[in-house]
Amino acid sequence: MEQQKKTFAVKLKGLAPWISGIRYEKEEQDLTLYFSLKKEAEVNIIVEDGKAEHKLLSSITTPLGALSQKLISNVEYKPNSDLYITSLRRQDFTECKATPLALKGSVEELKQCGAENSSLLILFETAKGGQGLLWSKRPEVREKVKTRNKGTEKGNWVLFAAQEPLPSLRETLKATL
């Protein structure tokens, strides 16, 4: 009697154009995949902790600006909604010698580090209080954030003022998005 095979797939989004070869090694309990990259490939690393639902983005070919590095150091990933959430304090801007106006450029850098199709939500403190900036291609995500926080939408961007402290706003948005 033939034993039924169970099959599963691992999908690496957007990676196929950069791969020139694949091989694997199978040990007792582990499987190691080796990907050979084409010479012109830019390599970005995404490290995921499945239990804590965290994902870290990092670029190893292009140095990121100080503000982008600060955003990456505090990022959380919600896999069910393909959403990255991060936050900045006022002192983070001071340390990076940046202002909230630099956030748009930082989001563009992060999108190039493997998050070009994901939604990115940045919560930040200013002299006027807490604010949030969302970039998302998905209209339903923009609408949820805009409606809940009375934000302003322009293209794929939503800017809003926070009515609660950033830590609790972060938890609320993680739960609702």
N, C-alpha and C. Protein backbone atom coordinates (compact mmCIF):
# COMPACT_ATOMS: atom_id res chain seq x y z
N MET A 1 0.84 -1.17 0.00
CA MET A 1 0.00 0.00 0.00
C MET A 1 0.89 1.24 0.00
N GLU A 2 0.65 2.13 -0.95
CA GLU A 2 1.47 3.33 -1.09
C GLU A 2 1.07 4.39 -0.08
N GLN A 3 2.06 4.98 0.55
CA GLN A 3 1.81 6.01 1.55
C GLN A 3 1.51 7.34 0.85
N GLN A 4 0.47 8.05 1.33
CA GLN A 4 0.12 9.34 0.74
C GLN A 4 1.16 10.38 1.09
N LYS A 5 1.50 11.22 0.10
CA LYS A 5 2.45 12.30 0.33
C LYS A 5 1.69 13.55 0.73
N LYS A 6 2.25 14.29 1.64
CA LYS A 6 1.73 15.61 2.00
C LYS A 6 2.66 16.63 1.40
N THR A 7 2.09 17.67 0.85
CA THR A 7 2.89 18.68 0.16
C THR A 7 2.61 20.05 0.74
N PHE A 8 3.64 20.87 0.85
CA PHE A 8 3.46 22.27 1.20
C PHE A 8 4.44 23.07 0.36
N ALA A 9 4.20 24.37 0.28
CA ALA A 9 5.05 25.23 -0.54
C ALA A 9 5.56 26.39 0.30
N VAL A 10 6.73 26.85 -0.03
CA VAL A 10 7.30 28.05 0.55
C VAL A 10 7.41 29.06 -0.59
N LYS A 11 6.75 30.19 -0.43
CA LYS A 11 6.76 31.20 -1.49
C LYS A 11 7.61 32.39 -1.04
N LEU A 12 8.56 32.75 -1.86
CA LEU A 12 9.43 33.88 -1.61
C LEU A 12 9.05 34.96 -2.61
N LYS A 13 8.25 35.91 -2.17
CA LYS A 13 7.69 36.92 -3.06
C LYS A 13 8.77 37.81 -3.66
N GLY A 14 8.70 37.98 -4.97
CA GLY A 14 9.57 38.91 -5.66
C GLY A 14 11.02 38.48 -5.79
N LEU A 15 11.35 37.28 -5.39
CA LEU A 15 12.74 36.85 -5.38
C LEU A 15 13.16 36.16 -6.68
N ALA A 16 12.23 35.59 -7.41
CA ALA A 16 12.55 34.77 -8.58
C ALA A 16 13.48 35.45 -9.59
N PRO A 17 13.29 36.74 -9.91
CA PRO A 17 14.17 37.35 -10.91
C PRO A 17 15.64 37.41 -10.49
N TRP A 18 15.91 37.29 -9.21
CA TRP A 18 17.28 37.44 -8.72
C TRP A 18 17.99 36.09 -8.53
N ILE A 19 17.25 34.99 -8.63
CA ILE A 19 17.80 33.66 -8.34
C ILE A 19 18.33 33.01 -9.61
N SER A 20 19.55 32.47 -9.53
CA SER A 20 20.10 31.74 -10.67
C SER A 20 20.15 30.23 -10.39
N GLY A 21 20.03 29.83 -9.14
CA GLY A 21 20.04 28.40 -8.83
C GLY A 21 19.61 28.14 -7.40
N ILE A 22 19.11 26.93 -7.15
CA ILE A 22 18.66 26.54 -5.81
C ILE A 22 19.17 25.12 -5.54
N ARG A 23 19.63 24.89 -4.32
CA ARG A 23 19.95 23.53 -3.89
C ARG A 23 19.57 23.39 -2.42
N TYR A 24 19.50 22.17 -1.93
CA TYR A 24 19.13 21.97 -0.54
C TYR A 24 19.96 20.86 0.08
N GLU A 25 20.04 20.91 1.40
CA GLU A 25 20.66 19.85 2.19
C GLU A 25 19.66 19.41 3.24
N LYS A 26 19.52 18.14 3.39
CA LYS A 26 18.57 17.59 4.34
C LYS A 26 19.35 16.87 5.44
N GLU A 27 19.14 17.30 6.66
CA GLU A 27 19.75 16.64 7.81
C GLU A 27 18.65 15.94 8.58
N GLU A 28 18.94 15.41 9.74
CA GLU A 28 17.92 14.65 10.49
C GLU A 28 16.60 15.42 10.62
N GLN A 29 16.63 16.56 11.24
CA GLN A 29 15.42 17.34 11.50
C GLN A 29 15.34 18.63 10.68
N ASP A 30 16.44 19.00 10.02
CA ASP A 30 16.52 20.31 9.40
C ASP A 30 16.65 20.22 7.88
N LEU A 31 16.17 21.25 7.25
CA LEU A 31 16.32 21.42 5.81
C LEU A 31 16.94 22.79 5.58
N THR A 32 18.03 22.85 4.85
CA THR A 32 18.70 24.10 4.55
C THR A 32 18.59 24.35 3.05
N LEU A 33 18.07 25.52 2.69
CA LEU A 33 17.95 25.91 1.29
C LEU A 33 19.06 26.88 0.95
N TYR A 34 19.69 26.70 -0.20
CA TYR A 34 20.74 27.58 -0.67
C TYR A 34 20.29 28.21 -1.98
N PHE A 35 20.30 29.52 -2.04
CA PHE A 35 19.91 30.25 -3.23
C PHE A 35 21.13 30.92 -3.82
N SER A 36 21.40 30.66 -5.08
CA SER A 36 22.47 31.36 -5.79
C SER A 36 21.85 32.58 -6.45
N LEU A 37 22.44 33.73 -6.19
CA LEU A 37 21.91 34.98 -6.72
C LEU A 37 22.64 35.38 -7.99
N LYS A 38 21.91 36.03 -8.87
CA LYS A 38 22.53 36.59 -10.06
C LYS A 38 23.49 37.69 -9.63
N LYS A 39 24.46 37.96 -10.43
CA LYS A 39 25.51 38.92 -10.09
C LYS A 39 24.97 40.30 -9.73
N GLU A 40 23.94 40.77 -10.44
CA GLU A 40 23.44 42.13 -10.21
C GLU A 40 22.42 42.21 -9.08
N ALA A 41 22.19 41.13 -8.37
CA ALA A 41 21.15 41.09 -7.34
C ALA A 41 21.47 41.99 -6.15
N GLU A 42 20.44 42.71 -5.70
CA GLU A 42 20.53 43.45 -4.45
C GLU A 42 19.94 42.54 -3.39
N VAL A 43 20.60 42.43 -2.26
CA VAL A 43 20.16 41.51 -1.23
C VAL A 43 19.58 42.28 -0.05
N ASN A 44 18.37 41.94 0.34
CA ASN A 44 17.73 42.47 1.53
C ASN A 44 17.40 41.28 2.41
N ILE A 45 17.50 41.46 3.69
CA ILE A 45 17.22 40.39 4.61
C ILE A 45 15.99 40.75 5.42
N ILE A 46 15.07 39.79 5.52
CA ILE A 46 13.92 39.94 6.40
C ILE A 46 13.99 38.81 7.41
N VAL A 47 14.12 39.16 8.66
CA VAL A 47 14.21 38.18 9.73
C VAL A 47 12.88 38.16 10.44
N GLU A 48 12.29 36.98 10.56
CA GLU A 48 10.96 36.89 11.16
C GLU A 48 10.99 35.98 12.38
N ASP A 49 10.36 36.43 13.43
CA ASP A 49 10.14 35.62 14.63
C ASP A 49 8.67 35.25 14.60
N GLY A 50 8.37 34.07 14.13
CA GLY A 50 6.98 33.65 13.94
C GLY A 50 6.16 33.66 15.21
N LYS A 51 6.76 33.34 16.34
CA LYS A 51 6.00 33.31 17.61
C LYS A 51 5.56 34.71 18.02
N ALA A 52 6.46 35.66 17.91
CA ALA A 52 6.15 37.03 18.35
C ALA A 52 5.56 37.87 17.23
N GLU A 53 5.47 37.30 16.03
CA GLU A 53 4.95 38.01 14.86
C GLU A 53 5.71 39.30 14.61
N HIS A 54 7.02 39.22 14.70
CA HIS A 54 7.87 40.36 14.42
C HIS A 54 8.62 40.08 13.14
N LYS A 55 8.89 41.13 12.40
CA LYS A 55 9.67 41.01 11.19
C LYS A 55 10.62 42.19 11.16
N LEU A 56 11.86 41.93 10.91
CA LEU A 56 12.85 43.00 10.84
C LEU A 56 13.33 43.13 9.41
N LEU A 57 13.36 44.33 8.92
CA LEU A 57 13.88 44.60 7.58
C LEU A 57 15.30 45.09 7.71
N SER A 58 16.14 44.69 6.82
CA SER A 58 17.46 45.30 6.78
C SER A 58 18.03 45.17 5.39
N SER A 59 18.74 46.17 4.99
CA SER A 59 19.38 46.17 3.68
C SER A 59 20.87 45.95 3.89
N ILE A 60 21.46 45.06 3.10
CA ILE A 60 22.90 44.88 3.26
C ILE A 60 23.67 45.42 2.08
N THR A 61 22.98 46.01 1.12
CA THR A 61 23.71 46.59 -0.01
C THR A 61 23.69 48.10 0.01
N THR A 62 22.62 48.69 0.46
CA THR A 62 22.49 50.14 0.45
C THR A 62 22.41 50.63 1.89
N PRO A 63 23.32 51.49 2.32
CA PRO A 63 23.20 52.00 3.68
C PRO A 63 21.96 52.89 3.81
N LEU A 64 21.20 52.64 4.85
CA LEU A 64 19.99 53.42 5.08
C LEU A 64 20.32 54.68 5.87
N GLY A 65 19.48 55.69 5.71
CA GLY A 65 19.62 56.90 6.49
C GLY A 65 19.36 56.63 7.96
N ALA A 66 19.81 57.54 8.81
CA ALA A 66 19.68 57.35 10.26
C ALA A 66 18.22 57.19 10.68
N LEU A 67 17.33 57.97 10.08
CA LEU A 67 15.92 57.89 10.46
C LEU A 67 15.33 56.54 10.04
N SER A 68 15.69 56.05 8.87
CA SER A 68 15.20 54.74 8.42
C SER A 68 15.72 53.64 9.33
N GLN A 69 16.97 53.73 9.74
CA GLN A 69 17.53 52.74 10.67
C GLN A 69 16.77 52.76 12.00
N LYS A 70 16.42 53.95 12.46
CA LYS A 70 15.67 54.08 13.71
C LYS A 70 14.29 53.43 13.56
N LEU A 71 13.65 53.64 12.42
CA LEU A 71 12.34 53.03 12.17
C LEU A 71 12.43 51.51 12.17
N ILE A 72 13.46 50.97 11.54
CA ILE A 72 13.64 49.52 11.48
C ILE A 72 13.87 48.93 12.86
N SER A 73 14.58 49.66 13.72
CA SER A 73 14.93 49.12 15.03
C SER A 73 13.71 48.89 15.92
N ASN A 74 12.58 49.47 15.56
CA ASN A 74 11.40 49.40 16.41
C ASN A 74 10.18 48.82 15.67
N VAL A 75 10.41 48.13 14.57
CA VAL A 75 9.29 47.70 13.72
C VAL A 75 8.69 46.38 14.22
N GLU A 76 7.39 46.28 14.08
CA GLU A 76 6.65 45.03 14.31
C GLU A 76 5.90 44.71 13.05
N TYR A 77 5.71 43.44 12.80
CA TYR A 77 5.02 43.01 11.58
C TYR A 77 3.77 42.23 11.94
N LYS A 78 2.66 42.59 11.30
CA LYS A 78 1.40 41.87 11.44
C LYS A 78 1.19 41.07 10.16
N PRO A 79 1.51 39.78 10.18
CA PRO A 79 1.44 39.01 8.94
C PRO A 79 0.03 38.89 8.36
N ASN A 80 -0.99 38.83 9.19
CA ASN A 80 -2.35 38.67 8.68
C ASN A 80 -2.80 39.84 7.83
N SER A 81 -2.27 41.04 8.11
CA SER A 81 -2.66 42.21 7.32
C SER A 81 -1.47 42.79 6.54
N ASP A 82 -0.33 42.10 6.55
CA ASP A 82 0.87 42.53 5.84
C ASP A 82 1.16 44.00 6.16
N LEU A 83 1.26 44.28 7.46
CA LEU A 83 1.42 45.64 7.97
C LEU A 83 2.64 45.72 8.88
N TYR A 84 3.49 46.70 8.60
CA TYR A 84 4.61 47.02 9.48
C TYR A 84 4.21 48.23 10.31
N ILE A 85 4.42 48.15 11.63
CA ILE A 85 4.11 49.26 12.53
C ILE A 85 5.38 49.62 13.29
N THR A 86 5.67 50.91 13.33
CA THR A 86 6.82 51.38 14.09
C THR A 86 6.49 52.73 14.71
N SER A 87 7.31 53.19 15.62
CA SER A 87 7.06 54.48 16.25
C SER A 87 8.37 55.19 16.56
N LEU A 88 8.26 56.50 16.67
CA LEU A 88 9.41 57.35 16.97
C LEU A 88 9.05 58.34 18.06
N ARG A 89 10.00 58.58 18.96
CA ARG A 89 9.82 59.61 19.96
C ARG A 89 10.47 60.90 19.45
N ARG A 90 10.16 61.99 20.10
CA ARG A 90 10.75 63.28 19.68
C ARG A 90 12.27 63.21 19.72
N GLN A 91 12.82 62.54 20.73
CA GLN A 91 14.27 62.47 20.85
C GLN A 91 14.90 61.65 19.73
N ASP A 92 14.13 60.71 19.13
CA ASP A 92 14.65 59.96 17.99
C ASP A 92 14.94 60.88 16.81
N PHE A 93 14.04 61.84 16.57
CA PHE A 93 14.27 62.81 15.50
C PHE A 93 15.53 63.63 15.79
N THR A 94 15.69 64.05 17.05
CA THR A 94 16.86 64.84 17.43
C THR A 94 18.13 64.04 17.21
N GLU A 95 18.13 62.77 17.66
CA GLU A 95 19.31 61.92 17.50
C GLU A 95 19.67 61.71 16.03
N CYS A 96 18.67 61.64 15.17
CA CYS A 96 18.88 61.40 13.74
C CYS A 96 19.10 62.69 12.95
N LYS A 97 19.03 63.82 13.66
CA LYS A 97 19.14 65.13 13.01
C LYS A 97 18.12 65.23 11.87
N ALA A 98 16.87 64.89 12.19
CA ALA A 98 15.80 64.88 11.20
C ALA A 98 14.53 65.48 11.81
N THR A 99 13.56 65.73 10.95
CA THR A 99 12.25 66.20 11.38
C THR A 99 11.20 65.24 10.82
N PRO A 100 9.96 65.36 11.27
CA PRO A 100 8.91 64.51 10.71
C PRO A 100 8.75 64.64 9.19
N LEU A 101 9.20 65.74 8.62
CA LEU A 101 9.12 65.91 7.17
C LEU A 101 9.99 64.88 6.42
N ALA A 102 10.97 64.31 7.11
CA ALA A 102 11.86 63.32 6.49
C ALA A 102 11.24 61.93 6.46
N LEU A 103 10.08 61.75 7.10
CA LEU A 103 9.49 60.42 7.18
C LEU A 103 9.11 59.85 5.81
N LYS A 104 8.64 60.70 4.92
CA LYS A 104 8.25 60.21 3.59
C LYS A 104 9.44 59.55 2.89
N GLY A 105 10.58 60.19 2.94
CA GLY A 105 11.79 59.62 2.33
C GLY A 105 12.21 58.32 3.00
N SER A 106 12.06 58.25 4.32
CA SER A 106 12.40 57.04 5.05
C SER A 106 11.47 55.89 4.66
N VAL A 107 10.19 56.19 4.50
CA VAL A 107 9.24 55.15 4.07
C VAL A 107 9.63 54.64 2.68
N GLU A 108 10.04 55.54 1.81
CA GLU A 108 10.47 55.12 0.47
C GLU A 108 11.68 54.19 0.56
N GLU A 109 12.61 54.50 1.46
CA GLU A 109 13.77 53.62 1.66
C GLU A 109 13.33 52.25 2.17
N LEU A 110 12.42 52.23 3.13
CA LEU A 110 11.96 50.95 3.70
C LEU A 110 11.22 50.12 2.66
N LYS A 111 10.47 50.77 1.81
CA LYS A 111 9.76 50.03 0.76
C LYS A 111 10.76 49.30 -0.13
N GLN A 112 11.93 49.88 -0.34
CA GLN A 112 12.95 49.25 -1.16
C GLN A 112 13.68 48.13 -0.44
N CYS A 113 13.47 48.00 0.85
CA CYS A 113 14.10 46.93 1.63
C CYS A 113 13.17 45.72 1.77
N GLY A 114 12.25 45.57 0.88
CA GLY A 114 11.40 44.39 0.89
C GLY A 114 9.98 44.64 1.29
N ALA A 115 9.56 45.88 1.48
CA ALA A 115 8.20 46.16 1.93
C ALA A 115 7.41 46.95 0.89
N GLU A 116 7.75 46.79 -0.39
CA GLU A 116 7.11 47.62 -1.41
C GLU A 116 5.62 47.34 -1.58
N ASN A 117 5.15 46.17 -1.19
CA ASN A 117 3.72 45.86 -1.31
C ASN A 117 3.02 45.81 0.04
N SER A 118 3.76 45.99 1.11
CA SER A 118 3.20 45.97 2.46
C SER A 118 2.72 47.36 2.85
N SER A 119 1.88 47.40 3.86
CA SER A 119 1.46 48.69 4.44
C SER A 119 2.46 49.07 5.53
N LEU A 120 2.79 50.36 5.60
CA LEU A 120 3.75 50.86 6.60
C LEU A 120 3.07 51.95 7.43
N LEU A 121 3.04 51.76 8.74
CA LEU A 121 2.42 52.72 9.65
C LEU A 121 3.47 53.22 10.63
N ILE A 122 3.66 54.53 10.64
CA ILE A 122 4.63 55.15 11.55
C ILE A 122 3.87 56.06 12.50
N LEU A 123 4.02 55.82 13.78
CA LEU A 123 3.46 56.68 14.82
C LEU A 123 4.63 57.49 15.37
N PHE A 124 4.42 58.80 15.56
CA PHE A 124 5.53 59.63 16.00
C PHE A 124 5.04 60.79 16.86
N GLU A 125 5.97 61.27 17.71
CA GLU A 125 5.69 62.40 18.59
C GLU A 125 6.23 63.68 17.97
N THR A 126 5.44 64.74 18.10
CA THR A 126 5.88 66.07 17.68
C THR A 126 5.59 67.04 18.83
N ALA A 127 5.96 68.29 18.65
CA ALA A 127 5.66 69.30 19.66
C ALA A 127 4.15 69.46 19.83
N LYS A 128 3.39 69.17 18.79
CA LYS A 128 1.93 69.28 18.84
C LYS A 128 1.24 68.03 19.37
N GLY A 129 2.00 66.99 19.68
CA GLY A 129 1.41 65.74 20.17
C GLY A 129 1.71 64.60 19.21
N GLY A 130 1.01 63.48 19.42
CA GLY A 130 1.23 62.30 18.60
C GLY A 130 0.59 62.42 17.23
N GLN A 131 1.25 61.84 16.26
CA GLN A 131 0.73 61.80 14.90
C GLN A 131 1.04 60.44 14.30
N GLY A 132 0.41 60.18 13.16
CA GLY A 132 0.66 58.94 12.46
C GLY A 132 0.73 59.18 10.97
N LEU A 133 1.54 58.36 10.30
CA LEU A 133 1.67 58.41 8.85
C LEU A 133 1.58 56.98 8.34
N LEU A 134 0.62 56.75 7.46
CA LEU A 134 0.41 55.42 6.87
C LEU A 134 0.67 55.50 5.38
N TRP A 135 1.39 54.51 4.86
CA TRP A 135 1.49 54.32 3.43
C TRP A 135 0.93 52.94 3.14
N SER A 136 -0.05 52.86 2.26
CA SER A 136 -0.64 51.57 1.91
C SER A 136 -1.26 51.64 0.53
N LYS A 137 -1.05 50.58 -0.24
CA LYS A 137 -1.70 50.45 -1.54
C LYS A 137 -3.15 50.00 -1.38
N ARG A 138 -3.48 49.51 -0.19
CA ARG A 138 -4.81 48.93 0.03
C ARG A 138 -5.78 49.98 0.57
N PRO A 139 -6.82 50.32 -0.21
CA PRO A 139 -7.77 51.36 0.20
C PRO A 139 -8.50 51.04 1.50
N GLU A 140 -8.77 49.76 1.77
CA GLU A 140 -9.49 49.41 3.01
C GLU A 140 -8.66 49.71 4.25
N VAL A 141 -7.35 49.56 4.17
CA VAL A 141 -6.47 49.89 5.30
C VAL A 141 -6.42 51.40 5.49
N ARG A 142 -6.26 52.14 4.38
CA ARG A 142 -6.24 53.61 4.47
C ARG A 142 -7.56 54.12 5.06
N GLU A 143 -8.66 53.54 4.63
CA GLU A 143 -9.98 53.98 5.10
C GLU A 143 -10.15 53.72 6.60
N LYS A 144 -9.73 52.55 7.08
CA LYS A 144 -9.83 52.24 8.52
C LYS A 144 -9.06 53.26 9.35
N VAL A 145 -7.83 53.55 8.92
CA VAL A 145 -6.99 54.48 9.68
C VAL A 145 -7.56 55.89 9.59
N LYS A 146 -7.95 56.30 8.41
CA LYS A 146 -8.47 57.65 8.19
C LYS A 146 -9.76 57.87 8.99
N THR A 147 -10.65 56.91 8.97
CA THR A 147 -11.93 57.03 9.67
C THR A 147 -11.73 57.03 11.18
N ARG A 148 -10.91 56.11 11.69
CA ARG A 148 -10.71 55.99 13.13
C ARG A 148 -10.01 57.21 13.70
N ASN A 149 -9.08 57.79 12.93
CA ASN A 149 -8.24 58.87 13.45
C ASN A 149 -8.48 60.22 12.79
N LYS A 150 -9.54 60.32 12.01
CA LYS A 150 -9.86 61.58 11.32
C LYS A 150 -8.65 62.13 10.57
N GLY A 151 -8.09 61.28 9.72
CA GLY A 151 -6.90 61.66 8.99
C GLY A 151 -7.19 62.24 7.62
N THR A 152 -6.12 62.69 6.99
CA THR A 152 -6.18 63.25 5.65
C THR A 152 -5.48 62.29 4.70
N GLU A 153 -6.15 61.96 3.61
CA GLU A 153 -5.60 61.01 2.64
C GLU A 153 -5.16 61.74 1.39
N LYS A 154 -3.98 61.35 0.89
CA LYS A 154 -3.49 61.87 -0.38
C LYS A 154 -2.76 60.72 -1.09
N GLY A 155 -3.36 60.22 -2.14
CA GLY A 155 -2.79 59.06 -2.83
C GLY A 155 -2.79 57.86 -1.89
N ASN A 156 -1.66 57.21 -1.75
CA ASN A 156 -1.52 56.05 -0.86
C ASN A 156 -1.14 56.43 0.57
N TRP A 157 -1.16 57.70 0.89
CA TRP A 157 -0.72 58.21 2.19
C TRP A 157 -1.91 58.67 3.03
N VAL A 158 -1.83 58.46 4.35
CA VAL A 158 -2.79 59.01 5.29
C VAL A 158 -1.98 59.62 6.44
N LEU A 159 -2.26 60.88 6.75
CA LEU A 159 -1.64 61.57 7.88
C LEU A 159 -2.74 61.88 8.88
N PHE A 160 -2.48 61.60 10.16
CA PHE A 160 -3.50 61.85 11.18
C PHE A 160 -2.86 62.26 12.49
N ALA A 161 -3.64 62.95 13.32
CA ALA A 161 -3.23 63.33 14.67
C ALA A 161 -3.75 62.26 15.62
N ALA A 162 -2.93 61.89 16.59
CA ALA A 162 -3.31 60.85 17.55
C ALA A 162 -4.05 61.48 18.73
N GLN A 163 -5.11 60.85 19.15
CA GLN A 163 -5.90 61.34 20.28
C GLN A 163 -5.52 60.65 21.58
N GLU A 164 -4.60 59.70 21.52
CA GLU A 164 -4.18 58.96 22.71
C GLU A 164 -2.67 58.79 22.69
N PRO A 165 -2.07 58.41 23.80
CA PRO A 165 -0.61 58.22 23.83
C PRO A 165 -0.19 57.16 22.81
N LEU A 166 1.00 57.34 22.24
CA LEU A 166 1.45 56.45 21.18
C LEU A 166 1.48 54.97 21.55
N PRO A 167 1.94 54.58 22.75
CA PRO A 167 1.94 53.14 23.05
C PRO A 167 0.54 52.51 22.99
N SER A 168 -0.46 53.20 23.53
CA SER A 168 -1.81 52.63 23.50
C SER A 168 -2.39 52.72 22.09
N LEU A 169 -2.07 53.78 21.34
CA LEU A 169 -2.52 53.88 19.96
C LEU A 169 -1.93 52.74 19.13
N ARG A 170 -0.67 52.45 19.36
CA ARG A 170 0.00 51.36 18.63
C ARG A 170 -0.73 50.04 18.87
N GLU A 171 -1.06 49.77 20.14
CA GLU A 171 -1.75 48.51 20.46
C GLU A 171 -3.15 48.49 19.85
N THR A 172 -3.85 49.62 19.90
CA THR A 172 -5.18 49.70 19.33
C THR A 172 -5.15 49.46 17.83
N LEU A 173 -4.23 50.10 17.14
CA LEU A 173 -4.14 49.93 15.69
C LEU A 173 -3.70 48.52 15.32
N LYS A 174 -2.81 47.93 16.10
CA LYS A 174 -2.43 46.54 15.84
C LYS A 174 -3.65 45.62 15.93
N ALA A 175 -4.53 45.91 16.87
CA ALA A 175 -5.71 45.07 17.06
C ALA A 175 -6.76 45.29 15.98
N THR A 176 -6.87 46.51 15.45
CA THR A 176 -7.94 46.81 14.49
C THR A 176 -7.52 46.63 13.03
N LEU A 177 -6.25 46.65 12.73
CA LEU A 177 -5.83 46.54 11.32
C LEU A 177 -5.46 45.11 10.97
